[in-house]
């Protein structure tokens, strides 16, 4: 299994996001904490993307979640994991077997940067470089 790391998160979206590595919480500030990425900000990090091949893995926290600040709203919530030869994600906060590939360079292995794109938390998307 290849190791794939996120080395920075750039937020080009109009809303702030919280990032949490559920498998390795120390990557994002420790248990119960998250990494904040404000609009227009680039935050360096060192997060290995967890392997997740089943609903049981997902329920065990084998994913990274990126969620905007939202109250009484239903925004796009990203979850990211590795499965097979690719980095996959969903925009509904749920696991999907053989989920969508993260746009950009979704092959596993090596260091990558993530960019949160879109105008706001309702039309957001990710790009992996």
C-alpha atoms as a PDB file:
ATOM      1  CA  UNK A   1       0.000   0.000   0.000  1.00  0.00           C
ATOM      2  CA  UNK A   2       1.424   3.342  -1.062  1.00  0.00           C
ATOM      3  CA  UNK A   3       1.680   6.242   1.350  1.00  0.00           C
ATOM      4  CA  UNK A   4      -0.005   9.400   0.088  1.00  0.00           C
ATOM      5  CA  UNK A   5       0.476  12.604   2.058  1.00  0.00           C
ATOM      6  CA  UNK A   6      -1.237  15.976   1.978  1.00  0.00           C
ATOM      7  CA  UNK A   7       1.478  18.612   2.448  1.00  0.00           C
ATOM      8  CA  UNK A   8      -0.671  21.752   2.282  1.00  0.00           C
ATOM      9  CA  UNK A   9      -4.288  22.849   2.068  1.00  0.00           C
ATOM     10  CA  UNK A  10      -5.103  25.996   0.102  1.00  0.00           C
ATOM     11  CA  UNK A  11      -8.543  27.506   0.531  1.00  0.00           C
ATOM     12  CA  UNK A  12      -9.655  29.453  -2.538  1.00  0.00           C
ATOM     13  CA  UNK A  13     -13.288  29.186  -1.436  1.00  0.00           C
ATOM     14  CA  UNK A  14     -15.191  32.063   0.138  1.00  0.00           C
ATOM     15  CA  UNK A  15     -15.785  30.141   3.401  1.00  0.00           C
ATOM     16  CA  UNK A  16     -13.522  28.857   6.171  1.00  0.00           C
ATOM     17  CA  UNK A  17     -13.026  25.103   6.650  1.00  0.00           C
ATOM     18  CA  UNK A  18     -12.072  22.774   9.466  1.00  0.00           C
ATOM     19  CA  UNK A  19      -9.925  19.746   8.601  1.00  0.00           C
ATOM     20  CA  UNK A  20      -9.649  16.668  10.783  1.00  0.00           C
ATOM     21  CA  UNK A  21      -7.737  13.442  10.196  1.00  0.00           C
ATOM     22  CA  UNK A  22      -9.978  10.966  12.004  1.00  0.00           C
ATOM     23  CA  UNK A  23      -7.440   8.132  11.753  1.00  0.00           C
ATOM     24  CA  UNK A  24      -4.495  10.221  13.006  1.00  0.00           C
ATOM     25  CA  UNK A  25      -5.888  13.185  14.973  1.00  0.00           C
ATOM     26  CA  UNK A  26      -2.386  14.379  15.892  1.00  0.00           C
ATOM     27  CA  UNK A  27      -2.000  15.430  12.230  1.00  0.00           C
ATOM     28  CA  UNK A  28      -4.661  18.098  12.786  1.00  0.00           C
ATOM     29  CA  UNK A  29      -4.022  19.336  16.317  1.00  0.00           C
ATOM     30  CA  UNK A  30      -4.774  16.271  18.450  1.00  0.00           C
ATOM     31  CA  UNK A  31      -7.903  14.502  19.697  1.00  0.00           C
ATOM     32  CA  UNK A  32     -10.985  16.737  19.658  1.00  0.00           C
ATOM     33  CA  UNK A  33      -9.221  19.433  17.614  1.00  0.00           C
ATOM     34  CA  UNK A  34      -9.078  20.358  13.955  1.00  0.00           C
ATOM     35  CA  UNK A  35      -6.967  22.388  11.578  1.00  0.00           C
ATOM     36  CA  UNK A  36      -8.588  25.680  10.562  1.00  0.00           C
ATOM     37  CA  UNK A  37      -8.130  26.933   6.993  1.00  0.00           C
ATOM     38  CA  UNK A  38      -9.602  30.392   6.446  1.00  0.00           C
ATOM     39  CA  UNK A  39     -10.655  31.692   3.055  1.00  0.00           C
ATOM     40  CA  UNK A  40      -7.574  32.769   1.079  1.00  0.00           C
ATOM     41  CA  UNK A  41      -5.200  30.904   3.402  1.00  0.00           C
ATOM     42  CA  UNK A  42      -2.686  28.146   2.642  1.00  0.00           C
ATOM     43  CA  UNK A  43      -1.840  25.927   5.612  1.00  0.00           C
ATOM     44  CA  UNK A  44       1.174  23.584   5.531  1.00  0.00           C
ATOM     45  CA  UNK A  45       0.596  20.135   7.027  1.00  0.00           C
ATOM     46  CA  UNK A  46       1.787  16.539   6.931  1.00  0.00           C
ATOM     47  CA  UNK A  47      -1.243  14.245   6.758  1.00  0.00           C
ATOM     48  CA  UNK A  48      -1.191  10.696   5.468  1.00  0.00           C
ATOM     49  CA  UNK A  49      -4.435   9.912   3.677  1.00  0.00           C
ATOM     50  CA  UNK A  50      -5.989   6.845   5.356  1.00  0.00           C
ATOM     51  CA  UNK A  51      -6.792   3.628   3.518  1.00  0.00           C
ATOM     52  CA  UNK A  52     -10.504   2.839   3.589  1.00  0.00           C
ATOM     53  CA  UNK A  53     -11.897  -0.135   1.684  1.00  0.00           C
ATOM     54  CA  UNK A  54     -15.185  -0.796   3.458  1.00  0.00           C
ATOM     55  CA  UNK A  55     -17.997   0.729   5.482  1.00  0.00           C
ATOM     56  CA  UNK A  56     -16.409  -0.876   8.572  1.00  0.00           C
ATOM     57  CA  UNK A  57     -13.128   0.974   7.878  1.00  0.00           C
ATOM     58  CA  UNK A  58     -15.061   4.203   7.449  1.00  0.00           C
ATOM     59  CA  UNK A  59     -16.962   3.678  10.706  1.00  0.00           C
ATOM     60  CA  UNK A  60     -13.544   3.092  12.295  1.00  0.00           C
ATOM     61  CA  UNK A  61     -12.490   6.611  11.268  1.00  0.00           C
ATOM     62  CA  UNK A  62     -10.233   5.829   8.305  1.00  0.00           C
ATOM     63  CA  UNK A  63     -10.762   9.152   6.525  1.00  0.00           C
ATOM     64  CA  UNK A  64     -10.031  12.874   6.515  1.00  0.00           C
ATOM     65  CA  UNK A  65     -12.983  15.248   6.793  1.00  0.00           C
ATOM     66  CA  UNK A  66     -13.126  18.852   5.546  1.00  0.00           C
ATOM     67  CA  UNK A  67     -16.143  20.766   6.730  1.00  0.00           C
ATOM     68  CA  UNK A  68     -17.075  24.452   6.451  1.00  0.00           C
ATOM     69  CA  UNK A  69     -18.419  26.541   9.278  1.00  0.00           C
ATOM     70  CA  UNK A  70     -22.210  26.256   8.865  1.00  0.00           C
ATOM     71  CA  UNK A  71     -25.216  26.793  11.108  1.00  0.00           C
ATOM     72  CA  UNK A  72     -28.707  25.619  10.108  1.00  0.00           C
ATOM     73  CA  UNK A  73     -27.388  24.975   6.572  1.00  0.00           C
ATOM     74  CA  UNK A  74     -26.470  21.882   4.557  1.00  0.00           C
ATOM     75  CA  UNK A  75     -23.079  22.602   2.959  1.00  0.00           C
ATOM     76  CA  UNK A  76     -20.746  20.371   0.948  1.00  0.00           C
ATOM     77  CA  UNK A  77     -18.757  18.237   3.424  1.00  0.00           C
ATOM     78  CA  UNK A  78     -15.751  16.375   2.037  1.00  0.00           C
ATOM     79  CA  UNK A  79     -14.377  13.036   3.210  1.00  0.00           C
ATOM     80  CA  UNK A  80     -11.143  11.755   1.664  1.00  0.00           C
ATOM     81  CA  UNK A  81      -9.617   8.268   1.672  1.00  0.00           C
ATOM     82  CA  UNK A  82      -7.397   5.949  -0.368  1.00  0.00           C
ATOM     83  CA  UNK A  83      -8.870   2.910  -2.071  1.00  0.00           C
ATOM     84  CA  UNK A  84      -7.200   0.839  -4.769  1.00  0.00           C
ATOM     85  CA  UNK A  85      -4.815   2.957  -6.826  1.00  0.00           C
ATOM     86  CA  UNK A  86      -6.571   6.265  -6.146  1.00  0.00           C
ATOM     87  CA  UNK A  87      -7.440   8.974  -3.674  1.00  0.00           C
ATOM     88  CA  UNK A  88     -11.218   9.091  -3.486  1.00  0.00           C
ATOM     89  CA  UNK A  89     -13.719  11.407  -1.888  1.00  0.00           C
ATOM     90  CA  UNK A  90     -17.344  12.195  -1.364  1.00  0.00           C
ATOM     91  CA  UNK A  91     -19.098  15.522  -1.066  1.00  0.00           C
ATOM     92  CA  UNK A  92     -21.849  14.271   1.239  1.00  0.00           C
ATOM     93  CA  UNK A  93     -19.699  13.230   4.209  1.00  0.00           C
ATOM     94  CA  UNK A  94     -20.345   9.511   3.552  1.00  0.00           C
ATOM     95  CA  UNK A  95     -18.318   6.512   2.334  1.00  0.00           C
ATOM     96  CA  UNK A  96     -19.059   5.171  -1.139  1.00  0.00           C
ATOM     97  CA  UNK A  97     -17.280   1.995  -2.341  1.00  0.00           C
ATOM     98  CA  UNK A  98     -15.102   2.905  -5.327  1.00  0.00           C
ATOM     99  CA  UNK A  99     -15.984   6.525  -4.637  1.00  0.00           C
ATOM    100  CA  UNK A 100     -15.321   9.443  -6.958  1.00  0.00           C
ATOM    101  CA  UNK A 101     -11.698  10.299  -7.674  1.00  0.00           C
ATOM    102  CA  UNK A 102     -10.545  13.619  -6.258  1.00  0.00           C
ATOM    103  CA  UNK A 103     -10.213  15.934  -9.274  1.00  0.00           C
ATOM    104  CA  UNK A 104      -6.649  16.609 -10.357  1.00  0.00           C
ATOM    105  CA  UNK A 105      -3.873  14.112  -9.594  1.00  0.00           C
ATOM    106  CA  UNK A 106      -5.711  11.291  -7.768  1.00  0.00           C
ATOM    107  CA  UNK A 107      -3.043   8.557  -8.027  1.00  0.00           C
ATOM    108  CA  UNK A 108      -1.814   7.193  -4.700  1.00  0.00           C
ATOM    109  CA  UNK A 109       1.763   7.616  -3.564  1.00  0.00           C
ATOM    110  CA  UNK A 110       3.867  10.673  -2.835  1.00  0.00           C
ATOM    111  CA  UNK A 111       3.157  14.166  -1.600  1.00  0.00           C
ATOM    112  CA  UNK A 112       0.182  16.222  -2.727  1.00  0.00           C
ATOM    113  CA  UNK A 113      -1.398  19.595  -2.087  1.00  0.00           C
ATOM    114  CA  UNK A 114      -5.159  20.104  -1.837  1.00  0.00           C
ATOM    115  CA  UNK A 115      -7.065  23.169  -2.943  1.00  0.00           C
ATOM    116  CA  UNK A 116     -10.633  23.933  -1.852  1.00  0.00           C
ATOM    117  CA  UNK A 117     -12.301  25.682  -4.782  1.00  0.00           C
ATOM    118  CA  UNK A 118     -15.711  27.204  -5.513  1.00  0.00           C
ATOM    119  CA  UNK A 119     -17.485  30.393  -4.543  1.00  0.00           C
ATOM    120  CA  UNK A 120     -18.921  29.192  -1.241  1.00  0.00           C
ATOM    121  CA  UNK A 121     -19.719  26.149   0.930  1.00  0.00           C
ATOM    122  CA  UNK A 122     -22.613  25.100  -1.331  1.00  0.00           C
ATOM    123  CA  UNK A 123     -20.672  24.785  -4.618  1.00  0.00           C
ATOM    124  CA  UNK A 124     -17.296  23.774  -3.159  1.00  0.00           C
ATOM    125  CA  UNK A 125     -15.012  21.140  -4.636  1.00  0.00           C
ATOM    126  CA  UNK A 126     -11.455  19.866  -4.169  1.00  0.00           C
ATOM    127  CA  UNK A 127      -8.466  19.654  -6.496  1.00  0.00           C
ATOM    128  CA  UNK A 128      -5.481  17.438  -5.671  1.00  0.00           C
ATOM    129  CA  UNK A 129      -2.069  18.484  -7.044  1.00  0.00           C
END
